[in-house]
C-alpha cells in the first residue's frame, strides 16, 4: 500500500489515463477525487469502482470543465473540504483540439489548446499548492506528452502547449522543492484509450493518414514498436506519488516506448 491514507485529485479522471491512474492509486490505498465534464459518466465510474471492491468512501466525483477557472479551482476546494487535505494533484485533462497546419490555425484554436492544457494545469496547481506547502509535503504530476519534447505536423498548438506544461513543471519544481513538494511531468507516447479511438480518426485524417496507419507510424517511432498501455503510465504515476518518488522532481519522464530518448 504505497499510497495508504493519501488524498489524490485527478482531472479528466473518468476515462483513459486518468481512470487508469485513479484505479492504480485506489489499489495502493489512496482516496481519489475525479473531475470531468459528464456527471452521468462520473456516477457510472463511481459505481464501477465500487463494484471492483474500492470503498465508496474513498472515491468522489465532481463535475466541471477544466477550461473554466472557477470550475477547476472549485474542484480543488471541494476535495480539500471533503477529505480535509490534498496530497497528490494529477493534472491529466488535456487534448489536441483543432488540428490544422499553422497557416490555417485560428487564434481561437490556439487559445483553446492553451486553456485546455496549460491554463488548466496552472489554475489547479496554484490552488492546490498552499495546502501542500502548509503541510510540508505534496506531489504534483502533470500528464504531458511526447509532443512536449518534439513535434509533428498539424499538432503545433498541442505541441506548444505541452512544451509549456514541461516548462512550468521545471520552474515550479524549483520553487517548492525545499518545502517537500515534488512536481513532475509524465510524457506518454501513443496510448490506445477510448479517447484515441474516438478522436484518432480525425487526427489521422489531418495528418493525411488512415487511423491504423497513424497508430503504426507512432509505434514504428518507438523502440518497443508498439503503443504504450494505460497501466504503464499509471505505474509511473504511482512511483512519483509515493514516498519512493520523493527524490524525483522537475522531470519530464517519457513513457513512450523509447520514442524520445531524453
C-alpha atoms as a PDB file:
ATOM      1  CA  UNK A   1       0.000   0.000   0.000  1.00  0.00           C
ATOM      2  CA  UNK A   2       2.335   2.695  -1.287  1.00  0.00           C
ATOM      3  CA  UNK A   3      -0.267   5.467  -1.052  1.00  0.00           C
ATOM      4  CA  UNK A   4      -2.183   4.439   2.075  1.00  0.00           C
ATOM      5  CA  UNK A   5      -4.114   7.353   3.516  1.00  0.00           C
ATOM      6  CA  UNK A   6      -3.189   9.782   0.724  1.00  0.00           C
ATOM      7  CA  UNK A   7      -5.745  12.044  -0.958  1.00  0.00           C
ATOM      8  CA  UNK A   8      -5.447  12.484  -4.735  1.00  0.00           C
ATOM      9  CA  UNK A   9      -7.277  14.841  -7.090  1.00  0.00           C
ATOM     10  CA  UNK A  10      -7.298  13.790 -10.762  1.00  0.00           C
ATOM     11  CA  UNK A  11      -8.603  15.905 -13.638  1.00  0.00           C
ATOM     12  CA  UNK A  12     -10.017  14.003 -16.582  1.00  0.00           C
ATOM     13  CA  UNK A  13     -10.384  11.127 -14.137  1.00  0.00           C
ATOM     14  CA  UNK A  14     -13.268   9.159 -15.622  1.00  0.00           C
ATOM     15  CA  UNK A  15     -11.624   7.770 -18.774  1.00  0.00           C
ATOM     16  CA  UNK A  16      -8.346   6.772 -20.362  1.00  0.00           C
ATOM     17  CA  UNK A  17      -5.159   7.501 -18.455  1.00  0.00           C
ATOM     18  CA  UNK A  18      -6.968   9.459 -15.753  1.00  0.00           C
ATOM     19  CA  UNK A  19      -9.216   6.493 -14.972  1.00  0.00           C
ATOM     20  CA  UNK A  20      -6.224   4.141 -15.028  1.00  0.00           C
ATOM     21  CA  UNK A  21      -4.272   6.346 -12.623  1.00  0.00           C
ATOM     22  CA  UNK A  22      -7.307   6.563 -10.326  1.00  0.00           C
ATOM     23  CA  UNK A  23      -7.617   2.778 -10.168  1.00  0.00           C
ATOM     24  CA  UNK A  24      -3.889   2.356  -9.560  1.00  0.00           C
ATOM     25  CA  UNK A  25      -3.987   4.915  -6.737  1.00  0.00           C
ATOM     26  CA  UNK A  26      -7.018   3.248  -5.158  1.00  0.00           C
ATOM     27  CA  UNK A  27      -5.285  -0.129  -5.340  1.00  0.00           C
ATOM     28  CA  UNK A  28      -2.362   1.386  -3.422  1.00  0.00           C
ATOM     29  CA  UNK A  29      -4.596   2.690  -0.637  1.00  0.00           C
ATOM     30  CA  UNK A  30      -5.278   6.296  -1.695  1.00  0.00           C
ATOM     31  CA  UNK A  31      -8.626   8.071  -1.781  1.00  0.00           C
ATOM     32  CA  UNK A  32      -9.378   9.824  -5.061  1.00  0.00           C
ATOM     33  CA  UNK A  33     -11.452  12.718  -6.333  1.00  0.00           C
ATOM     34  CA  UNK A  34     -12.273  12.633 -10.032  1.00  0.00           C
ATOM     35  CA  UNK A  35     -13.058  15.698 -12.134  1.00  0.00           C
ATOM     36  CA  UNK A  36     -14.666  15.635 -15.588  1.00  0.00           C
ATOM     37  CA  UNK A  37     -17.494  17.249 -17.525  1.00  0.00           C
ATOM     38  CA  UNK A  38     -20.008  14.400 -17.766  1.00  0.00           C
ATOM     39  CA  UNK A  39     -21.857  13.916 -14.463  1.00  0.00           C
ATOM     40  CA  UNK A  40     -23.630  10.781 -15.702  1.00  0.00           C
ATOM     41  CA  UNK A  41     -20.292   9.221 -16.656  1.00  0.00           C
ATOM     42  CA  UNK A  42     -18.876  10.235 -13.281  1.00  0.00           C
ATOM     43  CA  UNK A  43     -21.662   8.464 -11.405  1.00  0.00           C
ATOM     44  CA  UNK A  44     -21.163   5.375 -13.568  1.00  0.00           C
ATOM     45  CA  UNK A  45     -17.426   5.307 -12.866  1.00  0.00           C
ATOM     46  CA  UNK A  46     -18.032   5.536  -9.108  1.00  0.00           C
ATOM     47  CA  UNK A  47     -20.361   2.539  -9.359  1.00  0.00           C
ATOM     48  CA  UNK A  48     -17.790   0.600 -11.345  1.00  0.00           C
ATOM     49  CA  UNK A  49     -15.036   1.406  -8.854  1.00  0.00           C
ATOM     50  CA  UNK A  50     -17.299   0.250  -6.029  1.00  0.00           C
ATOM     51  CA  UNK A  51     -18.013  -2.995  -7.885  1.00  0.00           C
ATOM     52  CA  UNK A  52     -14.259  -3.587  -8.110  1.00  0.00           C
ATOM     53  CA  UNK A  53     -14.023  -3.543  -4.322  1.00  0.00           C
ATOM     54  CA  UNK A  54     -12.819   0.014  -3.789  1.00  0.00           C
ATOM     55  CA  UNK A  55     -14.749   1.512  -0.885  1.00  0.00           C
ATOM     56  CA  UNK A  56     -17.242   4.157  -1.966  1.00  0.00           C
ATOM     57  CA  UNK A  57     -15.972   6.351   0.864  1.00  0.00           C
ATOM     58  CA  UNK A  58     -12.620   6.555  -0.950  1.00  0.00           C
ATOM     59  CA  UNK A  59     -13.841   7.980  -4.264  1.00  0.00           C
ATOM     60  CA  UNK A  60     -15.842  11.071  -5.156  1.00  0.00           C
ATOM     61  CA  UNK A  61     -16.710  12.776  -8.434  1.00  0.00           C
ATOM     62  CA  UNK A  62     -17.021  16.493  -9.161  1.00  0.00           C
ATOM     63  CA  UNK A  63     -18.455  17.695 -12.469  1.00  0.00           C
ATOM     64  CA  UNK A  64     -16.869  20.637 -14.245  1.00  0.00           C
ATOM     65  CA  UNK A  65     -14.866  21.914 -17.183  1.00  0.00           C
ATOM     66  CA  UNK A  66     -11.071  22.334 -16.954  1.00  0.00           C
ATOM     67  CA  UNK A  67     -11.330  25.279 -19.350  1.00  0.00           C
ATOM     68  CA  UNK A  68     -13.326  27.166 -16.708  1.00  0.00           C
ATOM     69  CA  UNK A  69     -11.130  28.593 -13.967  1.00  0.00           C
ATOM     70  CA  UNK A  70     -13.920  28.716 -11.400  1.00  0.00           C
ATOM     71  CA  UNK A  71     -14.861  25.062 -12.026  1.00  0.00           C
ATOM     72  CA  UNK A  72     -11.305  23.872 -11.625  1.00  0.00           C
ATOM     73  CA  UNK A  73     -10.489  25.934  -8.551  1.00  0.00           C
ATOM     74  CA  UNK A  74     -13.825  24.877  -7.075  1.00  0.00           C
ATOM     75  CA  UNK A  75     -12.870  21.248  -7.614  1.00  0.00           C
ATOM     76  CA  UNK A  76      -9.667  21.628  -5.609  1.00  0.00           C
ATOM     77  CA  UNK A  77     -11.588  23.422  -2.860  1.00  0.00           C
ATOM     78  CA  UNK A  78     -14.219  20.651  -2.744  1.00  0.00           C
ATOM     79  CA  UNK A  79     -11.569  17.948  -2.463  1.00  0.00           C
ATOM     80  CA  UNK A  80      -9.941  19.691   0.495  1.00  0.00           C
ATOM     81  CA  UNK A  81     -13.329  20.353   2.117  1.00  0.00           C
ATOM     82  CA  UNK A  82     -14.459  16.729   1.670  1.00  0.00           C
ATOM     83  CA  UNK A  83     -11.292  14.880   2.668  1.00  0.00           C
ATOM     84  CA  UNK A  84      -9.702  17.545   4.866  1.00  0.00           C
ATOM     85  CA  UNK A  85      -6.500  17.793   2.852  1.00  0.00           C
ATOM     86  CA  UNK A  86      -4.844  17.141  -0.517  1.00  0.00           C
ATOM     87  CA  UNK A  87      -1.625  15.189  -1.022  1.00  0.00           C
ATOM     88  CA  UNK A  88      -1.478  14.493  -4.768  1.00  0.00           C
ATOM     89  CA  UNK A  89      -2.666  16.505  -7.754  1.00  0.00           C
ATOM     90  CA  UNK A  90      -2.711  14.839 -11.171  1.00  0.00           C
ATOM     91  CA  UNK A  91      -3.264  17.328 -13.996  1.00  0.00           C
ATOM     92  CA  UNK A  92      -4.387  14.788 -16.560  1.00  0.00           C
ATOM     93  CA  UNK A  93      -7.098  16.563 -18.566  1.00  0.00           C
ATOM     94  CA  UNK A  94      -5.979  17.951 -21.901  1.00  0.00           C
ATOM     95  CA  UNK A  95      -6.062  17.347 -25.605  1.00  0.00           C
ATOM     96  CA  UNK A  96      -5.085  18.354 -29.102  1.00  0.00           C
ATOM     97  CA  UNK A  97      -8.181  20.272 -30.207  1.00  0.00           C
ATOM     98  CA  UNK A  98      -8.340  21.626 -33.763  1.00  0.00           C
ATOM     99  CA  UNK A  99      -5.665  20.087 -35.965  1.00  0.00           C
ATOM    100  CA  UNK A 100      -4.500  22.436 -38.704  1.00  0.00           C
ATOM    101  CA  UNK A 101      -1.271  23.497 -40.377  1.00  0.00           C
ATOM    102  CA  UNK A 102      -0.002  26.676 -38.734  1.00  0.00           C
ATOM    103  CA  UNK A 103      -1.093  28.854 -41.666  1.00  0.00           C
ATOM    104  CA  UNK A 104      -4.699  27.696 -41.143  1.00  0.00           C
ATOM    105  CA  UNK A 105      -4.660  27.689 -37.320  1.00  0.00           C
ATOM    106  CA  UNK A 106      -7.072  30.208 -35.826  1.00  0.00           C
ATOM    107  CA  UNK A 107      -6.404  32.328 -32.757  1.00  0.00           C
ATOM    108  CA  UNK A 108      -9.382  30.643 -31.100  1.00  0.00           C
ATOM    109  CA  UNK A 109      -7.995  27.130 -31.687  1.00  0.00           C
ATOM    110  CA  UNK A 110      -4.587  28.127 -30.339  1.00  0.00           C
ATOM    111  CA  UNK A 111      -6.167  29.761 -27.279  1.00  0.00           C
ATOM    112  CA  UNK A 112      -8.268  26.645 -26.664  1.00  0.00           C
ATOM    113  CA  UNK A 113      -5.180  24.414 -26.718  1.00  0.00           C
ATOM    114  CA  UNK A 114      -3.554  26.680 -24.151  1.00  0.00           C
ATOM    115  CA  UNK A 115      -6.597  26.747 -21.876  1.00  0.00           C
ATOM    116  CA  UNK A 116      -7.168  23.008 -22.125  1.00  0.00           C
ATOM    117  CA  UNK A 117      -3.573  22.028 -21.389  1.00  0.00           C
ATOM    118  CA  UNK A 118      -1.621  24.937 -19.873  1.00  0.00           C
ATOM    119  CA  UNK A 119      -4.095  27.128 -18.052  1.00  0.00           C
ATOM    120  CA  UNK A 120      -5.841  24.100 -16.541  1.00  0.00           C
ATOM    121  CA  UNK A 121      -2.512  22.907 -15.124  1.00  0.00           C
ATOM    122  CA  UNK A 122      -1.707  26.420 -13.894  1.00  0.00           C
ATOM    123  CA  UNK A 123      -5.077  27.010 -12.229  1.00  0.00           C
ATOM    124  CA  UNK A 124      -5.265  23.647 -10.451  1.00  0.00           C
ATOM    125  CA  UNK A 125      -1.637  23.690  -9.308  1.00  0.00           C
ATOM    126  CA  UNK A 126      -1.848  27.239  -7.990  1.00  0.00           C
ATOM    127  CA  UNK A 127      -4.963  26.340  -5.986  1.00  0.00           C
ATOM    128  CA  UNK A 128      -3.533  23.091  -4.601  1.00  0.00           C
ATOM    129  CA  UNK A 129      -0.041  24.239  -3.613  1.00  0.00           C
ATOM    130  CA  UNK A 130      -0.890  26.269  -0.471  1.00  0.00           C
ATOM    131  CA  UNK A 131      -2.315  23.169   1.231  1.00  0.00           C
ATOM    132  CA  UNK A 132       0.724  21.089   0.270  1.00  0.00           C
ATOM    133  CA  UNK A 133       3.183  23.787   1.316  1.00  0.00           C
ATOM    134  CA  UNK A 134       1.465  24.240   4.662  1.00  0.00           C
ATOM    135  CA  UNK A 135       1.802  20.540   5.470  1.00  0.00           C
ATOM    136  CA  UNK A 136       5.353  20.378   4.062  1.00  0.00           C
ATOM    137  CA  UNK A 137       4.687  17.557   1.630  1.00  0.00           C
ATOM    138  CA  UNK A 138       2.904  17.021  -1.658  1.00  0.00           C
ATOM    139  CA  UNK A 139       3.028  15.707  -5.190  1.00  0.00           C
ATOM    140  CA  UNK A 140       2.033  17.390  -8.451  1.00  0.00           C
ATOM    141  CA  UNK A 141       2.007  15.132 -11.512  1.00  0.00           C
ATOM    142  CA  UNK A 142       1.358  16.714 -14.912  1.00  0.00           C
ATOM    143  CA  UNK A 143       0.369  14.438 -17.762  1.00  0.00           C
ATOM    144  CA  UNK A 144       2.205  15.963 -20.706  1.00  0.00           C
ATOM    145  CA  UNK A 145       3.077  14.187 -23.965  1.00  0.00           C
ATOM    146  CA  UNK A 146       5.980  13.119 -26.111  1.00  0.00           C
ATOM    147  CA  UNK A 147       4.823  16.056 -28.251  1.00  0.00           C
ATOM    148  CA  UNK A 148       6.100  18.201 -25.389  1.00  0.00           C
ATOM    149  CA  UNK A 149       9.609  17.064 -26.373  1.00  0.00           C
ATOM    150  CA  UNK A 150       9.330  17.233 -30.144  1.00  0.00           C
ATOM    151  CA  UNK A 151       6.523  17.836 -32.634  1.00  0.00           C
ATOM    152  CA  UNK A 152       4.547  16.674 -35.630  1.00  0.00           C
ATOM    153  CA  UNK A 153       2.773  18.438 -38.480  1.00  0.00           C
ATOM    154  CA  UNK A 154      -0.714  19.808 -37.608  1.00  0.00           C
ATOM    155  CA  UNK A 155      -0.001  19.365 -33.873  1.00  0.00           C
ATOM    156  CA  UNK A 156       1.595  22.806 -33.464  1.00  0.00           C
ATOM    157  CA  UNK A 157      -0.844  24.162 -30.857  1.00  0.00           C
ATOM    158  CA  UNK A 158      -0.827  20.914 -28.863  1.00  0.00           C
ATOM    159  CA  UNK A 159       2.956  20.604 -29.004  1.00  0.00           C
ATOM    160  CA  UNK A 160       3.399  24.227 -27.942  1.00  0.00           C
ATOM    161  CA  UNK A 161       1.017  23.667 -25.031  1.00  0.00           C
ATOM    162  CA  UNK A 162       2.776  20.525 -23.822  1.00  0.00           C
ATOM    163  CA  UNK A 163       6.187  22.200 -24.110  1.00  0.00           C
ATOM    164  CA  UNK A 164       4.723  24.917 -21.878  1.00  0.00           C
ATOM    165  CA  UNK A 165       3.495  22.310 -19.377  1.00  0.00           C
ATOM    166  CA  UNK A 166       7.007  20.865 -19.250  1.00  0.00           C
ATOM    167  CA  UNK A 167       8.500  24.315 -18.691  1.00  0.00           C
ATOM    168  CA  UNK A 168       6.018  25.019 -15.905  1.00  0.00           C
ATOM    169  CA  UNK A 169       6.910  21.677 -14.329  1.00  0.00           C
ATOM    170  CA  UNK A 170      10.602  22.587 -14.195  1.00  0.00           C
ATOM    171  CA  UNK A 171      10.088  26.052 -12.753  1.00  0.00           C
ATOM    172  CA  UNK A 172       7.520  25.127 -10.101  1.00  0.00           C
ATOM    173  CA  UNK A 173       9.673  22.187  -9.000  1.00  0.00           C
ATOM    174  CA  UNK A 174      12.468  24.677  -8.253  1.00  0.00           C
ATOM    175  CA  UNK A 175      10.084  26.897  -6.320  1.00  0.00           C
ATOM    176  CA  UNK A 176       8.622  24.282  -3.983  1.00  0.00           C
ATOM    177  CA  UNK A 177      11.232  21.528  -3.739  1.00  0.00           C
ATOM    178  CA  UNK A 178      12.751  22.709  -0.475  1.00  0.00           C
ATOM    179  CA  UNK A 179       9.268  22.724   1.060  1.00  0.00           C
ATOM    180  CA  UNK A 180       8.810  18.995   0.414  1.00  0.00           C
ATOM    181  CA  UNK A 181       6.646  19.206  -2.704  1.00  0.00           C
ATOM    182  CA  UNK A 182       7.704  17.461  -5.917  1.00  0.00           C
ATOM    183  CA  UNK A 183       6.482  18.446  -9.383  1.00  0.00           C
ATOM    184  CA  UNK A 184       6.963  16.143 -12.356  1.00  0.00           C
ATOM    185  CA  UNK A 185       5.545  15.518 -15.811  1.00  0.00           C
ATOM    186  CA  UNK A 186       4.853  12.193 -17.482  1.00  0.00           C
ATOM    187  CA  UNK A 187       5.203  12.290 -21.272  1.00  0.00           C
ATOM    188  CA  UNK A 188       3.276   9.354 -22.758  1.00  0.00           C
ATOM    189  CA  UNK A 189       3.574   8.226 -26.319  1.00  0.00           C
ATOM    190  CA  UNK A 190       0.562   6.833 -28.159  1.00  0.00           C
ATOM    191  CA  UNK A 191      -1.780   5.044 -25.736  1.00  0.00           C
ATOM    192  CA  UNK A 192      -4.883   3.402 -27.211  1.00  0.00           C
ATOM    193  CA  UNK A 193      -7.648   4.759 -25.000  1.00  0.00           C
ATOM    194  CA  UNK A 194     -11.313   5.317 -25.850  1.00  0.00           C
ATOM    195  CA  UNK A 195     -10.465   8.974 -26.461  1.00  0.00           C
ATOM    196  CA  UNK A 196      -7.865   7.972 -29.058  1.00  0.00           C
ATOM    197  CA  UNK A 197     -10.330   5.576 -30.666  1.00  0.00           C
ATOM    198  CA  UNK A 198     -12.988   8.297 -30.854  1.00  0.00           C
ATOM    199  CA  UNK A 199     -10.818  11.271 -31.838  1.00  0.00           C
ATOM    200  CA  UNK A 200      -7.925   9.482 -33.531  1.00  0.00           C
ATOM    201  CA  UNK A 201      -9.521   9.164 -36.978  1.00  0.00           C
ATOM    202  CA  UNK A 202      -9.807  12.971 -37.226  1.00  0.00           C
ATOM    203  CA  UNK A 203      -6.184  13.342 -36.141  1.00  0.00           C
ATOM    204  CA  UNK A 204      -5.101  10.772 -38.712  1.00  0.00           C
ATOM    205  CA  UNK A 205      -7.096  12.484 -41.452  1.00  0.00           C
ATOM    206  CA  UNK A 206      -5.443  15.825 -40.635  1.00  0.00           C
ATOM    207  CA  UNK A 207      -2.082  14.070 -40.996  1.00  0.00           C
ATOM    208  CA  UNK A 208      -3.127  12.572 -44.339  1.00  0.00           C
ATOM    209  CA  UNK A 209      -3.310   9.045 -42.927  1.00  0.00           C
ATOM    210  CA  UNK A 210      -5.823   6.362 -42.089  1.00  0.00           C
ATOM    211  CA  UNK A 211      -6.290   5.704 -38.358  1.00  0.00           C
ATOM    212  CA  UNK A 212      -4.428   2.377 -38.463  1.00  0.00           C
ATOM    213  CA  UNK A 213      -1.592   3.998 -40.440  1.00  0.00           C
ATOM    214  CA  UNK A 214      -1.251   6.702 -37.794  1.00  0.00           C
ATOM    215  CA  UNK A 215      -1.046   4.136 -34.979  1.00  0.00           C
ATOM    216  CA  UNK A 216       1.544   2.178 -36.972  1.00  0.00           C
ATOM    217  CA  UNK A 217       3.549   5.364 -37.538  1.00  0.00           C
ATOM    218  CA  UNK A 218       3.654   6.242 -33.852  1.00  0.00           C
ATOM    219  CA  UNK A 219       4.506   2.650 -32.956  1.00  0.00           C
ATOM    220  CA  UNK A 220       7.273   2.496 -35.567  1.00  0.00           C
ATOM    221  CA  UNK A 221       8.979   5.508 -33.969  1.00  0.00           C
ATOM    222  CA  UNK A 222       9.187   3.716 -30.609  1.00  0.00           C
ATOM    223  CA  UNK A 223      11.991   1.342 -29.654  1.00  0.00           C
ATOM    224  CA  UNK A 224       9.420  -1.199 -28.431  1.00  0.00           C
ATOM    225  CA  UNK A 225       7.469  -0.948 -31.734  1.00  0.00           C
ATOM    226  CA  UNK A 226       4.079  -0.858 -30.055  1.00  0.00           C
ATOM    227  CA  UNK A 227       1.816   1.633 -28.284  1.00  0.00           C
ATOM    228  CA  UNK A 228       2.170   2.038 -24.549  1.00  0.00           C
ATOM    229  CA  UNK A 229      -0.600   0.999 -22.162  1.00  0.00           C
ATOM    230  CA  UNK A 230      -2.599   2.902 -19.576  1.00  0.00           C
ATOM    231  CA  UNK A 231      -1.164   0.591 -16.927  1.00  0.00           C
ATOM    232  CA  UNK A 232       2.404   1.557 -17.859  1.00  0.00           C
ATOM    233  CA  UNK A 233       1.598   5.242 -17.444  1.00  0.00           C
ATOM    234  CA  UNK A 234      -0.262   4.632 -14.181  1.00  0.00           C
ATOM    235  CA  UNK A 235       2.675   2.691 -12.727  1.00  0.00           C
ATOM    236  CA  UNK A 236       4.947   5.707 -13.180  1.00  0.00           C
ATOM    237  CA  UNK A 237       2.312   7.957 -11.611  1.00  0.00           C
ATOM    238  CA  UNK A 238       2.225   5.661  -8.564  1.00  0.00           C
ATOM    239  CA  UNK A 239       6.010   5.868  -8.229  1.00  0.00           C
ATOM    240  CA  UNK A 240       6.007   9.667  -8.443  1.00  0.00           C
ATOM    241  CA  UNK A 241       3.147   9.899  -5.928  1.00  0.00           C
ATOM    242  CA  UNK A 242       4.796   7.559  -3.422  1.00  0.00           C
ATOM    243  CA  UNK A 243       7.467   8.082  -0.786  1.00  0.00           C
ATOM    244  CA  UNK A 244       9.886   6.290  -3.121  1.00  0.00           C
ATOM    245  CA  UNK A 245       9.449   9.140  -5.607  1.00  0.00           C
ATOM    246  CA  UNK A 246      10.479  11.814  -3.132  1.00  0.00           C
ATOM    247  CA  UNK A 247      13.856  12.353  -4.772  1.00  0.00           C
ATOM    248  CA  UNK A 248      12.415  12.851  -8.265  1.00  0.00           C
ATOM    249  CA  UNK A 249      11.318  16.360  -9.198  1.00  0.00           C
ATOM    250  CA  UNK A 250      11.389  18.729 -12.143  1.00  0.00           C
ATOM    251  CA  UNK A 251      11.484  15.795 -14.551  1.00  0.00           C
ATOM    252  CA  UNK A 252       9.680  15.024 -17.805  1.00  0.00           C
ATOM    253  CA  UNK A 253       9.575  11.251 -17.727  1.00  0.00           C
ATOM    254  CA  UNK A 254       8.929   9.619 -21.076  1.00  0.00           C
ATOM    255  CA  UNK A 255       6.586   6.631 -21.101  1.00  0.00           C
ATOM    256  CA  UNK A 256       6.687   6.381 -24.860  1.00  0.00           C
ATOM    257  CA  UNK A 257       8.464   3.123 -25.577  1.00  0.00           C
ATOM    258  CA  UNK A 258      11.739   4.882 -26.354  1.00  0.00           C
ATOM    259  CA  UNK A 259      10.437   7.415 -28.893  1.00  0.00           C
ATOM    260  CA  UNK A 260      12.047  10.420 -27.237  1.00  0.00           C
ATOM    261  CA  UNK A 261      15.163   9.092 -25.551  1.00  0.00           C
ATOM    262  CA  UNK A 262      15.700  12.056 -23.248  1.00  0.00           C
END
